[in-house]
Amino acid sequence: MNIETIESEKGNLSYCRMDESERIGDGSDFLGVIYSCPSHTIVLDREDITPEFFSLKTGIAGDLLQKVSNYRKRLIILGDFSRVENKPLRDFIYESNKTGHVVFAASIAGGVELLK
């Protein structure tokens, strides 16, 4: 994992990029990211998270969001979410973006805007 610290008006961000063989597959993997990232806010690329995260019935999304809450972190997930056709996932993204602790955005700047 490569970690880049980025300064923003809402505090430092830890942009964590996984190596080719790495991918966050569950809450245990995410705990490793939480412990490795020095900033209060973690930034991840959509591609660095298992696709099962985006299938809400697996429970992986809920598990990761619970970890964000328990460890008092914030999370920006970067990707193009404008074409999500799955209504439950679209609603989940909308509600998450409203709370501002776990946000889905196309860019870091867009994610920072959504943070609370």
Protein backbone atom coordinates (compact mmCIF):
# COMPACT_ATOMS: atom_id res chain seq x y z
CA MET A 1 0.00 0.00 0.00
CA ASN A 2 1.23 3.47 -0.87
CA ILE A 3 0.03 6.37 1.29
CA GLU A 4 0.13 9.97 0.16
CA THR A 5 -0.75 12.75 2.61
CA ILE A 6 -2.79 15.53 1.02
CA GLU A 7 -3.60 18.80 2.77
CA SER A 8 -7.15 20.11 2.49
CA GLU A 9 -9.26 22.79 4.13
CA LYS A 10 -10.92 20.03 6.16
CA GLY A 11 -7.70 18.50 7.44
CA ASN A 12 -5.08 16.15 6.08
CA LEU A 13 -6.15 13.21 3.94
CA SER A 14 -4.41 9.86 3.65
CA TYR A 15 -4.76 8.74 0.03
CA CYS A 16 -4.18 4.99 0.24
CA ARG A 17 -3.47 3.21 -3.01
CA MET A 18 -3.29 -0.54 -2.99
CA ASP A 19 -0.61 -2.49 -4.79
CA GLU A 20 -1.75 -4.63 -7.72
CA SER A 21 -2.11 -7.76 -5.60
CA GLU A 22 -3.98 -5.98 -2.79
CA ARG A 23 -7.66 -5.20 -2.50
CA ILE A 24 -9.83 -4.44 0.52
CA GLY A 25 -12.10 -7.44 0.78
CA ASP A 26 -13.56 -7.18 4.27
CA GLY A 27 -13.45 -5.38 7.59
CA SER A 28 -10.16 -7.01 8.61
CA ASP A 29 -8.44 -5.67 5.49
CA PHE A 30 -9.90 -2.25 6.19
CA LEU A 31 -8.58 -2.30 9.76
CA GLY A 32 -5.10 -2.63 8.29
CA VAL A 33 -5.75 0.52 6.26
CA ILE A 34 -7.09 2.37 9.31
CA TYR A 35 -3.99 1.52 11.34
CA SER A 36 -1.64 2.42 8.47
CA CYS A 37 -3.15 5.80 7.62
CA PRO A 38 -2.06 8.67 9.85
CA SER A 39 -4.83 11.09 8.87
CA HIS A 40 -8.37 11.35 10.20
CA THR A 41 -9.68 11.02 6.63
CA ILE A 42 -8.87 8.06 4.39
CA VAL A 43 -9.19 8.22 0.60
CA LEU A 44 -9.57 5.01 -1.42
CA ASP A 45 -10.09 4.33 -5.11
CA ARG A 46 -13.17 2.30 -5.96
CA GLU A 47 -10.95 -0.23 -7.73
CA ASP A 48 -9.08 -0.91 -4.48
CA ILE A 49 -12.24 -2.23 -2.80
CA THR A 50 -13.72 -5.62 -3.63
CA PRO A 51 -16.68 -5.36 -6.03
CA GLU A 52 -18.77 -7.24 -3.44
CA PHE A 53 -18.68 -4.05 -1.32
CA PHE A 54 -21.06 -2.49 -3.85
CA SER A 55 -23.51 -5.39 -3.57
CA LEU A 56 -25.17 -4.32 -0.33
CA LYS A 57 -26.62 -7.75 0.41
CA THR A 58 -23.10 -9.05 1.17
CA GLY A 59 -22.86 -6.82 4.25
CA ILE A 60 -19.29 -5.75 3.43
CA ALA A 61 -20.30 -2.10 3.01
CA GLY A 62 -22.02 -2.06 6.38
CA ASP A 63 -19.00 -3.68 8.01
CA LEU A 64 -16.58 -1.11 6.57
CA LEU A 65 -18.83 1.80 7.47
CA GLN A 66 -19.12 0.48 11.03
CA LYS A 67 -15.31 0.45 11.25
CA VAL A 68 -15.18 4.06 10.02
CA SER A 69 -17.63 5.01 12.75
CA ASN A 70 -15.98 2.98 15.52
CA TYR A 71 -12.54 4.42 14.83
CA ARG A 72 -13.88 7.96 14.32
CA LYS A 73 -12.47 8.23 10.82
CA ARG A 74 -13.87 9.67 7.61
CA LEU A 75 -13.70 7.94 4.25
CA ILE A 76 -13.75 9.21 0.68
CA ILE A 77 -14.30 6.56 -1.98
CA LEU A 78 -13.25 7.83 -5.39
CA GLY A 79 -14.96 6.68 -8.57
CA ASP A 80 -17.65 7.41 -11.10
CA PHE A 81 -20.89 6.77 -9.27
CA SER A 82 -23.06 8.84 -11.60
CA ARG A 83 -24.29 5.79 -13.53
CA VAL A 84 -25.22 3.48 -10.64
CA GLU A 85 -28.38 1.71 -11.75
CA ASN A 86 -28.94 -0.37 -8.62
CA LYS A 87 -31.51 1.63 -6.62
CA PRO A 88 -30.49 0.40 -3.14
CA LEU A 89 -26.84 1.22 -3.88
CA ARG A 90 -27.78 4.61 -5.37
CA ASP A 91 -29.84 5.39 -2.24
CA PHE A 92 -27.00 4.21 0.00
CA ILE A 93 -24.53 6.51 -1.76
CA TYR A 94 -26.97 9.43 -1.56
CA GLU A 95 -27.55 8.95 2.18
CA SER A 96 -23.85 8.43 2.90
CA ASN A 97 -22.97 11.63 1.08
CA LYS A 98 -25.55 13.50 3.17
CA THR A 99 -23.97 12.39 6.45
CA GLY A 100 -20.49 13.44 5.33
CA HIS A 101 -18.49 10.73 7.10
CA VAL A 102 -18.30 8.23 4.25
CA VAL A 103 -18.61 9.93 0.89
CA PHE A 104 -18.56 8.77 -2.71
CA ALA A 105 -17.10 11.25 -5.18
CA ALA A 106 -15.47 11.48 -8.59
CA SER A 107 -12.55 13.55 -7.28
CA ILE A 108 -10.73 14.33 -4.07
CA ALA A 109 -11.93 17.94 -4.25
CA GLY A 110 -15.53 16.74 -4.63
CA GLY A 111 -15.11 14.37 -1.71
CA VAL A 112 -13.68 17.09 0.52
CA GLU A 113 -16.69 19.29 -0.26
CA LEU A 114 -19.01 16.54 1.01
CA LEU A 115 -17.10 15.91 4.26
CA LYS A 116 -18.54 17.14 7.55
